[in-house]
Amino acid sequence: LGMDAQRDAIERFASAEGIEIVATFTEIETGK
């Protein structure tokens, strides 16, 4: 939940700005 939306937003932004994403880091935290 939420990951795909974030990934899609970043990819669209990078494509529009001519940026290559070389690595993606995903954090899953409990909040504490």
Full PDB file with SEQRES, HELIX, SHEET, SSBOND, CRYST1, ORIGX, SCALE, CONECT and MASTER records, all heavy atoms in Angstrom:
SEQRES   1 A   32  LEU GLY MET ASP ALA GLN ARG ASP ALA ILE GLU ARG PHE          
SEQRES   2 A   32  ALA SER ALA GLU GLY ILE GLU ILE VAL ALA THR PHE THR          
SEQRES   3 A   32  GLU ILE GLU THR GLY LYS                                      
HELIX    1 AA1 MET A    3  GLU A   17  1                                  15    
CRYST1    1.000    1.000    1.000  90.00  90.00  90.00 P 1           1          
ORIGX1      1.000000  0.000000  0.000000        0.00000                         
ORIGX2      0.000000  1.000000  0.000000        0.00000                         
ORIGX3      0.000000  0.000000  1.000000        0.00000                         
SCALE1      1.000000  0.000000  0.000000        0.00000                         
SCALE2      0.000000  1.000000  0.000000        0.00000                         
SCALE3      0.000000  0.000000  1.000000        0.00000                         
ATOM      1  N   LEU A   1       0.830  -1.206   0.000  1.00  0.00           N  
ATOM      2  CA  LEU A   1       0.000   0.000   0.000  1.00  0.00           C  
ATOM      3  C   LEU A   1       0.861   1.250   0.000  1.00  0.00           C  
ATOM      4  O   LEU A   1       1.671   1.452   0.879  1.00  0.00           O  
ATOM      5  CB  LEU A   1      -0.907  -0.002   1.231  1.00  0.00           C  
ATOM      6  CG  LEU A   1      -1.886   1.175   1.363  1.00  0.00           C  
ATOM      7  CD1 LEU A   1      -2.866   1.165   0.210  1.00  0.00           C  
ATOM      8  CD2 LEU A   1      -2.617   1.100   2.703  1.00  0.00           C  
ATOM      9  N   GLY A   2       0.676   2.073  -0.993  1.00  0.00           N  
ATOM     10  CA  GLY A   2       1.410   3.318  -1.075  1.00  0.00           C  
ATOM     11  C   GLY A   2       2.705   3.224  -1.855  1.00  0.00           C  
ATOM     12  O   GLY A   2       3.177   4.223  -2.382  1.00  0.00           O  
ATOM     13  N   MET A   3       3.298   2.064  -1.943  1.00  0.00           N  
ATOM     14  CA  MET A   3       4.583   1.927  -2.635  1.00  0.00           C  
ATOM     15  C   MET A   3       4.449   2.182  -4.126  1.00  0.00           C  
ATOM     16  O   MET A   3       5.234   2.916  -4.721  1.00  0.00           O  
ATOM     17  CB  MET A   3       5.160   0.529  -2.406  1.00  0.00           C  
ATOM     18  CG  MET A   3       5.700   0.283  -1.023  1.00  0.00           C  
ATOM     19  SD  MET A   3       6.496  -1.338  -0.940  1.00  0.00           S  
ATOM     20  CE  MET A   3       6.955  -1.377   0.783  1.00  0.00           C  
ATOM     21  N   ASP A   4       3.457   1.558  -4.738  1.00  0.00           N  
ATOM     22  CA  ASP A   4       3.290   1.692  -6.186  1.00  0.00           C  
ATOM     23  C   ASP A   4       3.016   3.138  -6.573  1.00  0.00           C  
ATOM     24  O   ASP A   4       3.523   3.625  -7.583  1.00  0.00           O  
ATOM     25  CB  ASP A   4       2.148   0.792  -6.675  1.00  0.00           C  
ATOM     26  CG  ASP A   4       2.496  -0.692  -6.613  1.00  0.00           C  
ATOM     27  OD1 ASP A   4       3.710  -0.990  -6.547  1.00  0.00           O  
ATOM     28  OD2 ASP A   4       1.581  -1.527  -6.626  1.00  0.00           O  
ATOM     29  N   ALA A   5       2.202   3.818  -5.772  1.00  0.00           N  
ATOM     30  CA  ALA A   5       1.882   5.213  -6.070  1.00  0.00           C  
ATOM     31  C   ALA A   5       3.135   6.083  -5.986  1.00  0.00           C  
ATOM     32  O   ALA A   5       3.358   6.958  -6.835  1.00  0.00           O  
ATOM     33  CB  ALA A   5       0.817   5.722  -5.108  1.00  0.00           C  
ATOM     34  N   GLN A   6       3.959   5.852  -4.968  1.00  0.00           N  
ATOM     35  CA  GLN A   6       5.191   6.618  -4.829  1.00  0.00           C  
ATOM     36  C   GLN A   6       6.153   6.324  -5.976  1.00  0.00           C  
ATOM     37  O   GLN A   6       6.751   7.236  -6.564  1.00  0.00           O  
ATOM     38  CB  GLN A   6       5.869   6.295  -3.494  1.00  0.00           C  
ATOM     39  CG  GLN A   6       5.126   6.800  -2.276  1.00  0.00           C  
ATOM     40  CD  GLN A   6       5.833   6.434  -0.983  1.00  0.00           C  
ATOM     41  OE1 GLN A   6       7.004   6.776  -0.786  1.00  0.00           O  
ATOM     42  NE2 GLN A   6       5.145   5.737  -0.091  1.00  0.00           N  
ATOM     43  N   ARG A   7       6.292   5.047  -6.297  1.00  0.00           N  
ATOM     44  CA  ARG A   7       7.199   4.659  -7.375  1.00  0.00           C  
ATOM     45  C   ARG A   7       6.755   5.265  -8.705  1.00  0.00           C  
ATOM     46  O   ARG A   7       7.573   5.777  -9.477  1.00  0.00           O  
ATOM     47  CB  ARG A   7       7.259   3.136  -7.489  1.00  0.00           C  
ATOM     48  CG  ARG A   7       8.252   2.640  -8.536  1.00  0.00           C  
ATOM     49  CD  ARG A   7       8.332   1.131  -8.566  1.00  0.00           C  
ATOM     50  NE  ARG A   7       8.976   0.619  -7.358  1.00  0.00           N  
ATOM     51  CZ  ARG A   7       8.314   0.001  -6.381  1.00  0.00           C  
ATOM     52  NH1 ARG A   7       7.004  -0.157  -6.456  1.00  0.00           N  
ATOM     53  NH2 ARG A   7       8.966  -0.438  -5.327  1.00  0.00           N  
ATOM     54  N   ASP A   8       5.446   5.239  -8.954  1.00  0.00           N  
ATOM     55  CA  ASP A   8       4.920   5.791 -10.194  1.00  0.00           C  
ATOM     56  C   ASP A   8       5.168   7.296 -10.271  1.00  0.00           C  
ATOM     57  O   ASP A   8       5.556   7.815 -11.323  1.00  0.00           O  
ATOM     58  CB  ASP A   8       3.419   5.502 -10.290  1.00  0.00           C  
ATOM     59  CG  ASP A   8       2.812   6.049 -11.575  1.00  0.00           C  
ATOM     60  OD1 ASP A   8       3.200   5.590 -12.657  1.00  0.00           O  
ATOM     61  OD2 ASP A   8       1.931   6.931 -11.491  1.00  0.00           O  
ATOM     62  N   ALA A   9       4.946   7.999  -9.161  1.00  0.00           N  
ATOM     63  CA  ALA A   9       5.158   9.448  -9.144  1.00  0.00           C  
ATOM     64  C   ALA A   9       6.625   9.789  -9.404  1.00  0.00           C  
ATOM     65  O   ALA A   9       6.936  10.725 -10.154  1.00  0.00           O  
ATOM     66  CB  ALA A   9       4.716  10.026  -7.802  1.00  0.00           C  
ATOM     67  N   ILE A  10       7.525   9.032  -8.795  1.00  0.00           N  
ATOM     68  CA  ILE A  10       8.960   9.279  -8.978  1.00  0.00           C  
ATOM     69  C   ILE A  10       9.374   8.991 -10.412  1.00  0.00           C  
ATOM     70  O   ILE A  10      10.125   9.757 -11.031  1.00  0.00           O  
ATOM     71  CB  ILE A  10       9.782   8.420  -7.992  1.00  0.00           C  
ATOM     72  CG1 ILE A  10       9.574   8.918  -6.553  1.00  0.00           C  
ATOM     73  CG2 ILE A  10      11.271   8.455  -8.354  1.00  0.00           C  
ATOM     74  CD1 ILE A  10      10.183   8.022  -5.498  1.00  0.00           C  
ATOM     75  N   GLU A  11       8.889   7.887 -10.969  1.00  0.00           N  
ATOM     76  CA  GLU A  11       9.259   7.525 -12.340  1.00  0.00           C  
ATOM     77  C   GLU A  11       8.744   8.546 -13.344  1.00  0.00           C  
ATOM     78  O   GLU A  11       9.446   8.905 -14.294  1.00  0.00           O  
ATOM     79  CB  GLU A  11       8.726   6.122 -12.664  1.00  0.00           C  
ATOM     80  CG  GLU A  11       9.469   5.018 -11.917  1.00  0.00           C  
ATOM     81  CD  GLU A  11       8.890   3.633 -12.195  1.00  0.00           C  
ATOM     82  OE1 GLU A  11       7.823   3.561 -12.849  1.00  0.00           O  
ATOM     83  OE2 GLU A  11       9.498   2.636 -11.765  1.00  0.00           O  
ATOM     84  N   ARG A  12       7.509   9.024 -13.144  1.00  0.00           N  
ATOM     85  CA  ARG A  12       6.962  10.037 -14.055  1.00  0.00           C  
ATOM     86  C   ARG A  12       7.759  11.334 -13.963  1.00  0.00           C  
ATOM     87  O   ARG A  12       8.045  11.982 -14.972  1.00  0.00           O  
ATOM     88  CB  ARG A  12       5.494  10.302 -13.731  1.00  0.00           C  
ATOM     89  CG  ARG A  12       4.539   9.215 -14.214  1.00  0.00           C  
ATOM     90  CD  ARG A  12       3.100   9.678 -14.086  1.00  0.00           C  
ATOM     91  NE  ARG A  12       2.726   9.863 -12.688  1.00  0.00           N  
ATOM     92  CZ  ARG A  12       1.615  10.459 -12.288  1.00  0.00           C  
ATOM     93  NH1 ARG A  12       0.794  11.010 -13.178  1.00  0.00           N  
ATOM     94  NH2 ARG A  12       1.324  10.569 -11.005  1.00  0.00           N  
ATOM     95  N   PHE A  13       8.112  11.709 -12.750  1.00  0.00           N  
ATOM     96  CA  PHE A  13       8.897  12.925 -12.537  1.00  0.00           C  
ATOM     97  C   PHE A  13      10.266  12.796 -13.201  1.00  0.00           C  
ATOM     98  O   PHE A  13      10.709  13.707 -13.918  1.00  0.00           O  
ATOM     99  CB  PHE A  13       9.052  13.172 -11.039  1.00  0.00           C  
ATOM    100  CG  PHE A  13      10.036  14.255 -10.692  1.00  0.00           C  
ATOM    101  CD1 PHE A  13       9.681  15.594 -10.799  1.00  0.00           C  
ATOM    102  CD2 PHE A  13      11.309  13.943 -10.264  1.00  0.00           C  
ATOM    103  CE1 PHE A  13      10.590  16.603 -10.479  1.00  0.00           C  
ATOM    104  CE2 PHE A  13      12.224  14.937  -9.945  1.00  0.00           C  
ATOM    105  CZ  PHE A  13      11.864  16.265 -10.051  1.00  0.00           C  
ATOM    106  N   ALA A  14      10.935  11.666 -12.963  1.00  0.00           N  
ATOM    107  CA  ALA A  14      12.272  11.461 -13.524  1.00  0.00           C  
ATOM    108  C   ALA A  14      12.234  11.467 -15.050  1.00  0.00           C  
ATOM    109  O   ALA A  14      13.106  12.042 -15.708  1.00  0.00           O  
ATOM    110  CB  ALA A  14      12.853  10.135 -13.014  1.00  0.00           C  
ATOM    111  N   SER A  15      11.222  10.824 -15.619  1.00  0.00           N  
ATOM    112  CA  SER A  15      11.087  10.786 -17.074  1.00  0.00           C  
ATOM    113  C   SER A  15      10.889  12.185 -17.646  1.00  0.00           C  
ATOM    114  O   SER A  15      11.494  12.560 -18.655  1.00  0.00           O  
ATOM    115  CB  SER A  15       9.907   9.885 -17.467  1.00  0.00           C  
ATOM    116  OG  SER A  15       9.701   9.892 -18.864  1.00  0.00           O  
ATOM    117  N   ALA A  16      10.054  12.980 -16.980  1.00  0.00           N  
ATOM    118  CA  ALA A  16       9.774  14.332 -17.458  1.00  0.00           C  
ATOM    119  C   ALA A  16      11.000  15.234 -17.356  1.00  0.00           C  
ATOM    120  O   ALA A  16      11.173  16.150 -18.170  1.00  0.00           O  
ATOM    121  CB  ALA A  16       8.626  14.938 -16.662  1.00  0.00           C  
ATOM    122  N   GLU A  17      11.859  14.964 -16.365  1.00  0.00           N  
ATOM    123  CA  GLU A  17      13.027  15.815 -16.145  1.00  0.00           C  
ATOM    124  C   GLU A  17      14.294  15.255 -16.782  1.00  0.00           C  
ATOM    125  O   GLU A  17      15.364  15.848 -16.650  1.00  0.00           O  
ATOM    126  CB  GLU A  17      13.261  16.001 -14.633  1.00  0.00           C  
ATOM    127  CG  GLU A  17      12.127  16.693 -13.906  1.00  0.00           C  
ATOM    128  CD  GLU A  17      11.930  18.129 -14.362  1.00  0.00           C  
ATOM    129  OE1 GLU A  17      12.922  18.721 -14.844  1.00  0.00           O  
ATOM    130  OE2 GLU A  17      10.808  18.644 -14.234  1.00  0.00           O  
ATOM    131  N   GLY A  18      14.196  14.102 -17.457  1.00  0.00           N  
ATOM    132  CA  GLY A  18      15.365  13.509 -18.088  1.00  0.00           C  
ATOM    133  C   GLY A  18      16.381  12.972 -17.102  1.00  0.00           C  
ATOM    134  O   GLY A  18      17.596  13.118 -17.280  1.00  0.00           O  
ATOM    135  N   ILE A  19      15.888  12.352 -16.032  1.00  0.00           N  
ATOM    136  CA  ILE A  19      16.749  11.811 -14.976  1.00  0.00           C  
ATOM    137  C   ILE A  19      16.705  10.289 -14.998  1.00  0.00           C  
ATOM    138  O   ILE A  19      15.635   9.698 -15.120  1.00  0.00           O  
ATOM    139  CB  ILE A  19      16.306  12.322 -13.590  1.00  0.00           C  
ATOM    140  CG1 ILE A  19      16.392  13.849 -13.526  1.00  0.00           C  
ATOM    141  CG2 ILE A  19      17.137  11.693 -12.480  1.00  0.00           C  
ATOM    142  CD1 ILE A  19      15.809  14.440 -12.250  1.00  0.00           C  
ATOM    143  N   GLU A  20      17.856   9.659 -14.863  1.00  0.00           N  
ATOM    144  CA  GLU A  20      17.933   8.198 -14.783  1.00  0.00           C  
ATOM    145  C   GLU A  20      17.977   7.752 -13.319  1.00  0.00           C  
ATOM    146  O   GLU A  20      18.839   8.202 -12.557  1.00  0.00           O  
ATOM    147  CB  GLU A  20      19.179   7.686 -15.499  1.00  0.00           C  
ATOM    148  CG  GLU A  20      19.359   6.175 -15.402  1.00  0.00           C  
ATOM    149  CD  GLU A  20      20.689   5.691 -15.932  1.00  0.00           C  
ATOM    150  OE1 GLU A  20      21.479   6.535 -16.419  1.00  0.00           O  
ATOM    151  OE2 GLU A  20      20.956   4.477 -15.844  1.00  0.00           O  
ATOM    152  N   ILE A  21      17.049   6.893 -12.936  1.00  0.00           N  
ATOM    153  CA  ILE A  21      17.045   6.332 -11.579  1.00  0.00           C  
ATOM    154  C   ILE A  21      17.968   5.126 -11.562  1.00  0.00           C  
ATOM    155  O   ILE A  21      17.692   4.097 -12.191  1.00  0.00           O  
ATOM    156  CB  ILE A  21      15.624   5.913 -11.144  1.00  0.00           C  
ATOM    157  CG1 ILE A  21      14.670   7.107 -11.210  1.00  0.00           C  
ATOM    158  CG2 ILE A  21      15.654   5.328  -9.727  1.00  0.00           C  
ATOM    159  CD1 ILE A  21      15.001   8.224 -10.269  1.00  0.00           C  
ATOM    160  N   VAL A  22      19.082   5.231 -10.840  1.00  0.00           N  
ATOM    161  CA  VAL A  22      20.065   4.145 -10.832  1.00  0.00           C  
ATOM    162  C   VAL A  22      19.823   3.146  -9.714  1.00  0.00           C  
ATOM    163  O   VAL A  22      20.313   2.011  -9.759  1.00  0.00           O  
ATOM    164  CB  VAL A  22      21.499   4.701 -10.729  1.00  0.00           C  
ATOM    165  CG1 VAL A  22      21.804   5.609 -11.917  1.00  0.00           C  
ATOM    166  CG2 VAL A  22      21.701   5.460  -9.421  1.00  0.00           C  
ATOM    167  N   ALA A  23      19.073   3.544  -8.695  1.00  0.00           N  
ATOM    168  CA  ALA A  23      18.786   2.632  -7.583  1.00  0.00           C  
ATOM    169  C   ALA A  23      17.553   3.136  -6.846  1.00  0.00           C  
ATOM    170  O   ALA A  23      17.313   4.340  -6.769  1.00  0.00           O  
ATOM    171  CB  ALA A  23      19.965   2.550  -6.624  1.00  0.00           C  
ATOM    172  N   THR A  24      16.784   2.196  -6.322  1.00  0.00           N  
ATOM    173  CA  THR A  24      15.598   2.529  -5.538  1.00  0.00           C  
ATOM    174  C   THR A  24      15.683   1.849  -4.184  1.00  0.00           C  
ATOM    175  O   THR A  24      15.935   0.645  -4.100  1.00  0.00           O  
ATOM    176  CB  THR A  24      14.313   2.076  -6.261  1.00  0.00           C  
ATOM    177  OG1 THR A  24      14.216   2.735  -7.524  1.00  0.00           O  
ATOM    178  CG2 THR A  24      13.078   2.400  -5.423  1.00  0.00           C  
ATOM    179  N   PHE A  25      15.489   2.605  -3.136  1.00  0.00           N  
ATOM    180  CA  PHE A  25      15.546   2.075  -1.777  1.00  0.00           C  
ATOM    181  C   PHE A  25      14.171   2.238  -1.130  1.00  0.00           C  
ATOM    182  O   PHE A  25      13.599   3.326  -1.126  1.00  0.00           O  
ATOM    183  CB  PHE A  25      16.612   2.814  -0.965  1.00  0.00           C  
ATOM    184  CG  PHE A  25      18.001   2.639  -1.508  1.00  0.00           C  
ATOM    185  CD1 PHE A  25      18.501   3.511  -2.453  1.00  0.00           C  
ATOM    186  CD2 PHE A  25      18.782   1.577  -1.088  1.00  0.00           C  
ATOM    187  CE1 PHE A  25      19.774   3.353  -2.976  1.00  0.00           C  
ATOM    188  CE2 PHE A  25      20.066   1.397  -1.599  1.00  0.00           C  
ATOM    189  CZ  PHE A  25      20.563   2.285  -2.551  1.00  0.00           C  
ATOM    190  N   THR A  26      13.668   1.144  -0.601  1.00  0.00           N  
ATOM    191  CA  THR A  26      12.329   1.134  -0.010  1.00  0.00           C  
ATOM    192  C   THR A  26      12.419   0.862   1.486  1.00  0.00           C  
ATOM    193  O   THR A  26      12.982  -0.149   1.906  1.00  0.00           O  
ATOM    194  CB  THR A  26      11.448   0.072  -0.672  1.00  0.00           C  
ATOM    195  OG1 THR A  26      11.357   0.350  -2.073  1.00  0.00           O  
ATOM    196  CG2 THR A  26      10.047   0.077  -0.076  1.00  0.00           C  
ATOM    197  N   GLU A  27      11.869   1.768   2.274  1.00  0.00           N  
ATOM    198  CA  GLU A  27      11.904   1.667   3.734  1.00  0.00           C  
ATOM    199  C   GLU A  27      10.536   1.249   4.247  1.00  0.00           C  
ATOM    200  O   GLU A  27       9.516   1.817   3.858  1.00  0.00           O  
ATOM    201  CB  GLU A  27      12.258   3.030   4.324  1.00  0.00           C  
ATOM    202  CG  GLU A  27      12.732   2.987   5.756  1.00  0.00           C  
ATOM    203  CD  GLU A  27      14.246   2.910   5.828  1.00  0.00           C  
ATOM    204  OE1 GLU A  27      14.907   3.901   5.485  1.00  0.00           O  
ATOM    205  OE2 GLU A  27      14.758   1.846   6.222  1.00  0.00           O  
ATOM    206  N   ILE A  28      10.510   0.252   5.116  1.00  0.00           N  
ATOM    207  CA  ILE A  28       9.281  -0.147   5.788  1.00  0.00           C  
ATOM    208  C   ILE A  28       9.525   0.016   7.277  1.00  0.00           C  
ATOM    209  O   ILE A  28      10.327  -0.700   7.869  1.00  0.00           O  
ATOM    210  CB  ILE A  28       8.900  -1.605   5.475  1.00  0.00           C  
ATOM    211  CG1 ILE A  28       8.740  -1.792   3.961  1.00  0.00           C  
ATOM    212  CG2 ILE A  28       7.616  -1.998   6.195  1.00  0.00           C  
ATOM    213  CD1 ILE A  28       8.556  -3.231   3.545  1.00  0.00           C  
ATOM    214  N   GLU A  29       8.858   0.990   7.881  1.00  0.00           N  
ATOM    215  CA  GLU A  29       9.097   1.272   9.291  1.00  0.00           C  
ATOM    216  C   GLU A  29       7.807   1.184  10.091  1.00  0.00           C  
ATOM    217  O   GLU A  29       6.718   1.386   9.562  1.00  0.00           O  
ATOM    218  CB  GLU A  29       9.723   2.654   9.458  1.00  0.00           C  
ATOM    219  CG  GLU A  29       8.866   3.767   8.897  1.00  0.00           C  
ATOM    220  CD  GLU A  29       9.414   5.123   9.286  1.00  0.00           C  
ATOM    221  OE1 GLU A  29      10.403   5.165  10.013  1.00  0.00           O  
ATOM    222  OE2 GLU A  29       8.830   6.120   8.873  1.00  0.00           O  
ATOM    223  N   THR A  30       7.928   0.907  11.348  1.00  0.00           N  
ATOM    224  CA  THR A  30       6.763   0.754  12.208  1.00  0.00           C  
ATOM    225  C   THR A  30       6.264   2.079  12.747  1.00  0.00           C  
ATOM    226  O   THR A  30       5.154   2.171  13.250  1.00  0.00           O  
ATOM    227  CB  THR A  30       7.098  -0.147  13.406  1.00  0.00           C  
ATOM    228  OG1 THR A  30       8.135   0.480  14.179  1.00  0.00           O  
ATOM    229  CG2 THR A  30       7.577  -1.500  12.937  1.00  0.00           C  
ATOM    230  N   GLY A  31       7.086   3.106  12.662  1.00  0.00           N  
ATOM    231  CA  GLY A  31       6.693   4.414  13.188  1.00  0.00           C  
ATOM    232  C   GLY A  31       7.480   4.775  14.428  1.00  0.00           C  
ATOM    233  O   GLY A  31       7.735   5.929  14.687  1.00  0.00           O  
ATOM    234  N   LYS A  32       7.906   3.805  15.218  1.00  0.00           N  
ATOM    235  CA  LYS A  32       8.690   4.073  16.422  1.00  0.00           C  
ATOM    236  C   LYS A  32      10.089   4.505  16.021  1.00  0.00           C  
ATOM    237  O   LYS A  32      10.798   3.813  15.305  1.00  0.00           O  
ATOM    238  CB  LYS A  32       8.758   2.821  17.296  1.00  0.00           C  
ATOM    239  CG  LYS A  32       9.516   3.046  18.608  1.00  0.00           C  
ATOM    240  CD  LYS A  32       9.507   1.783  19.449  1.00  0.00           C  
ATOM    241  CE  LYS A  32      10.242   2.009  20.759  1.00  0.00           C  
ATOM    242  NZ  LYS A  32      10.264   0.786  21.596  1.00  0.00           N  
TER     243      LYS A  32                                                      
MASTER        0    0    0    1    0    0    0    6  242    1    0    3          
END                                                                             
